[in-house]
Amino acid sequence: MGTAEEVFAVVRTIPRGTVLSYGQVADLLTSVSLSARMVGQIMAHAPDDVPWQRVVARDGTLVIAKRDPIMAARQKQLLEAEGVTFDPIGRVNMDRHGWHTATGMGSLFDEI
């Protein structure tokens, strides 16, 4: 499995209504060490079957807004359709919607 496909495989396991940060995705990779920024660069080329909207900045910011406000609006719309809530300045409520299984409260692959 190539690096990009491994990133996409991790993202495909994120349950509806939850999110991971780019750094958390990087931490879950087993065959390669990547930075959060590198994960973001790979995610910019995600195929249609990858729920790209479920990856956000560690503080819940939709960082895609820096390069494409229209895509940020689409990301927010997709997340809201999954029940994800946002704070008054547009960040995902990470305490409520962060996928804690991926950060030590069980195995990532318990959900599969």
C-alpha atoms as a PDB file:
ATOM      1  CA  MET A   1       0.000   0.000   0.000  1.00  0.00           C
ATOM      2  CA  GLY A   2       1.395   3.401  -0.917  1.00  0.00           C
ATOM      3  CA  THR A   3       1.609   6.358   1.431  1.00  0.00           C
ATOM      4  CA  ALA A   4      -1.430   8.166   0.017  1.00  0.00           C
ATOM      5  CA  GLU A   5      -3.515   5.001   0.077  1.00  0.00           C
ATOM      6  CA  GLU A   6      -2.568   4.412   3.715  1.00  0.00           C
ATOM      7  CA  VAL A   7      -3.726   7.949   4.582  1.00  0.00           C
ATOM      8  CA  PHE A   8      -6.982   7.369   2.706  1.00  0.00           C
ATOM      9  CA  ALA A   9      -7.465   3.991   4.443  1.00  0.00           C
ATOM     10  CA  VAL A  10      -7.209   5.660   7.866  1.00  0.00           C
ATOM     11  CA  VAL A  11      -9.630   8.421   6.871  1.00  0.00           C
ATOM     12  CA  ARG A  12     -12.124   5.885   5.525  1.00  0.00           C
ATOM     13  CA  THR A  13     -12.403   4.423   9.049  1.00  0.00           C
ATOM     14  CA  ILE A  14     -13.468   7.690  10.716  1.00  0.00           C
ATOM     15  CA  PRO A  15     -17.111   7.186  11.745  1.00  0.00           C
ATOM     16  CA  ARG A  16     -19.875   9.547  10.611  1.00  0.00           C
ATOM     17  CA  GLY A  17     -20.338  12.457  12.986  1.00  0.00           C
ATOM     18  CA  THR A  18     -16.739  12.384  14.177  1.00  0.00           C
ATOM     19  CA  VAL A  19     -13.507  13.993  13.035  1.00  0.00           C
ATOM     20  CA  LEU A  20      -9.754  13.576  13.360  1.00  0.00           C
ATOM     21  CA  SER A  21      -7.078  16.211  13.030  1.00  0.00           C
ATOM     22  CA  TYR A  22      -4.472  15.990  10.295  1.00  0.00           C
ATOM     23  CA  GLY A  23      -1.906  15.238  13.000  1.00  0.00           C
ATOM     24  CA  GLN A  24      -3.999  12.413  14.441  1.00  0.00           C
ATOM     25  CA  VAL A  25      -4.248  10.852  10.993  1.00  0.00           C
ATOM     26  CA  ALA A  26      -0.459  11.129  10.684  1.00  0.00           C
ATOM     27  CA  ASP A  27      -0.029   9.467  14.093  1.00  0.00           C
ATOM     28  CA  LEU A  28      -2.154   6.497  13.012  1.00  0.00           C
ATOM     29  CA  LEU A  29      -0.028   5.668   9.974  1.00  0.00           C
ATOM     30  CA  THR A  30       2.009   2.527  10.460  1.00  0.00           C
ATOM     31  CA  SER A  31       4.345   2.289   7.490  1.00  0.00           C
ATOM     32  CA  VAL A  32       5.494   5.881   7.158  1.00  0.00           C
ATOM     33  CA  SER A  33       6.063   8.966   9.295  1.00  0.00           C
ATOM     34  CA  LEU A  34       4.290  12.075   8.018  1.00  0.00           C
ATOM     35  CA  SER A  35       3.613  15.537   9.388  1.00  0.00           C
ATOM     36  CA  ALA A  36       0.115  16.972   9.654  1.00  0.00           C
ATOM     37  CA  ARG A  37       0.947  19.264   6.737  1.00  0.00           C
ATOM     38  CA  MET A  38       1.917  16.286   4.571  1.00  0.00           C
ATOM     39  CA  VAL A  39      -1.374  14.573   5.402  1.00  0.00           C
ATOM     40  CA  GLY A  40      -3.164  17.755   4.322  1.00  0.00           C
ATOM     41  CA  GLN A  41      -1.316  17.786   1.018  1.00  0.00           C
ATOM     42  CA  ILE A  42      -2.287  14.173   0.393  1.00  0.00           C
ATOM     43  CA  MET A  43      -5.898  14.821   1.401  1.00  0.00           C
ATOM     44  CA  ALA A  44      -6.112  17.539  -1.255  1.00  0.00           C
ATOM     45  CA  HIS A  45      -6.124  14.672  -3.766  1.00  0.00           C
ATOM     46  CA  ALA A  46      -8.535  12.337  -1.979  1.00  0.00           C
ATOM     47  CA  PRO A  47     -10.669  10.142  -4.228  1.00  0.00           C
ATOM     48  CA  ASP A  48     -14.453  10.392  -4.032  1.00  0.00           C
ATOM     49  CA  ASP A  49     -14.837   7.460  -1.629  1.00  0.00           C
ATOM     50  CA  VAL A  50     -12.727   9.136   1.079  1.00  0.00           C
ATOM     51  CA  PRO A  51     -14.723  11.213   3.623  1.00  0.00           C
ATOM     52  CA  TRP A  52     -12.269  14.131   3.420  1.00  0.00           C
ATOM     53  CA  GLN A  53     -14.608  16.401   5.367  1.00  0.00           C
ATOM     54  CA  ARG A  54     -13.849  14.441   8.558  1.00  0.00           C
ATOM     55  CA  VAL A  55     -10.255  15.702   8.763  1.00  0.00           C
ATOM     56  CA  VAL A  56      -9.791  19.139  10.332  1.00  0.00           C
ATOM     57  CA  ALA A  57      -7.135  21.166  12.168  1.00  0.00           C
ATOM     58  CA  ARG A  58      -6.382  20.135  15.754  1.00  0.00           C
ATOM     59  CA  ASP A  59      -8.468  23.044  17.070  1.00  0.00           C
ATOM     60  CA  GLY A  60     -11.414  22.166  14.822  1.00  0.00           C
ATOM     61  CA  THR A  61     -10.701  24.830  12.209  1.00  0.00           C
ATOM     62  CA  LEU A  62     -11.629  24.049   8.624  1.00  0.00           C
ATOM     63  CA  VAL A  63      -8.217  24.923   7.209  1.00  0.00           C
ATOM     64  CA  ILE A  64      -9.324  24.402   3.631  1.00  0.00           C
ATOM     65  CA  ALA A  65     -10.895  27.878   3.938  1.00  0.00           C
ATOM     66  CA  LYS A  66      -7.426  29.391   3.505  1.00  0.00           C
ATOM     67  CA  ARG A  67      -7.287  28.244  -0.110  1.00  0.00           C
ATOM     68  CA  ASP A  68     -10.934  27.699  -1.029  1.00  0.00           C
ATOM     69  CA  PRO A  69     -13.795  29.269   0.959  1.00  0.00           C
ATOM     70  CA  ILE A  70     -16.343  27.454  -1.213  1.00  0.00           C
ATOM     71  CA  MET A  71     -14.855  24.074  -0.289  1.00  0.00           C
ATOM     72  CA  ALA A  72     -14.843  25.116   3.383  1.00  0.00           C
ATOM     73  CA  ALA A  73     -18.554  25.854   3.127  1.00  0.00           C
ATOM     74  CA  ARG A  74     -19.055  22.436   1.511  1.00  0.00           C
ATOM     75  CA  GLN A  75     -17.018  20.766   4.270  1.00  0.00           C
ATOM     76  CA  LYS A  76     -19.126  22.450   6.942  1.00  0.00           C
ATOM     77  CA  GLN A  77     -22.332  21.449   5.140  1.00  0.00           C
ATOM     78  CA  LEU A  78     -21.223  17.802   4.910  1.00  0.00           C
ATOM     79  CA  LEU A  79     -20.209  17.707   8.580  1.00  0.00           C
ATOM     80  CA  GLU A  80     -23.434  19.347   9.733  1.00  0.00           C
ATOM     81  CA  ALA A  81     -25.382  16.727   7.745  1.00  0.00           C
ATOM     82  CA  GLU A  82     -23.562  14.130   9.897  1.00  0.00           C
ATOM     83  CA  GLY A  83     -24.595  15.942  13.103  1.00  0.00           C
ATOM     84  CA  VAL A  84     -21.277  17.694  13.756  1.00  0.00           C
ATOM     85  CA  THR A  85     -21.658  20.985  15.632  1.00  0.00           C
ATOM     86  CA  PHE A  86     -19.546  24.113  15.435  1.00  0.00           C
ATOM     87  CA  ASP A  87     -18.649  26.875  17.862  1.00  0.00           C
ATOM     88  CA  PRO A  88     -19.603  30.514  17.188  1.00  0.00           C
ATOM     89  CA  ILE A  89     -16.416  31.135  15.177  1.00  0.00           C
ATOM     90  CA  GLY A  90     -16.910  28.098  12.926  1.00  0.00           C
ATOM     91  CA  ARG A  91     -14.668  25.468  14.529  1.00  0.00           C
ATOM     92  CA  VAL A  92     -15.752  21.867  15.052  1.00  0.00           C
ATOM     93  CA  ASN A  93     -16.570  21.084  18.683  1.00  0.00           C
ATOM     94  CA  MET A  94     -13.606  18.698  19.111  1.00  0.00           C
ATOM     95  CA  ASP A  95     -14.575  17.615  22.646  1.00  0.00           C
ATOM     96  CA  ARG A  96     -17.879  16.381  21.325  1.00  0.00           C
ATOM     97  CA  HIS A  97     -16.959  15.186  17.826  1.00  0.00           C
ATOM     98  CA  GLY A  98     -13.294  14.241  18.019  1.00  0.00           C
ATOM     99  CA  TRP A  99     -12.909  10.518  17.421  1.00  0.00           C
ATOM    100  CA  HIS A 100     -11.484   9.426  20.756  1.00  0.00           C
ATOM    101  CA  THR A 101     -11.129   5.785  19.711  1.00  0.00           C
ATOM    102  CA  ALA A 102      -8.241   6.872  17.523  1.00  0.00           C
ATOM    103  CA  THR A 103      -6.432   8.575  20.382  1.00  0.00           C
ATOM    104  CA  GLY A 104      -6.032   5.724  22.810  1.00  0.00           C
ATOM    105  CA  MET A 105      -9.492   4.681  23.959  1.00  0.00           C
ATOM    106  CA  GLY A 106      -9.485   1.498  21.872  1.00  0.00           C
ATOM    107  CA  SER A 107      -8.234   0.244  18.579  1.00  0.00           C
ATOM    108  CA  LEU A 108      -8.836   2.201  15.414  1.00  0.00           C
ATOM    109  CA  PHE A 109      -9.910  -0.996  13.724  1.00  0.00           C
ATOM    110  CA  ASP A 110     -12.447  -1.975  16.407  1.00  0.00           C
ATOM    111  CA  GLU A 111     -14.952   0.097  14.408  1.00  0.00           C
ATOM    112  CA  ILE A 112     -14.524  -1.867  11.171  1.00  0.00           C
END
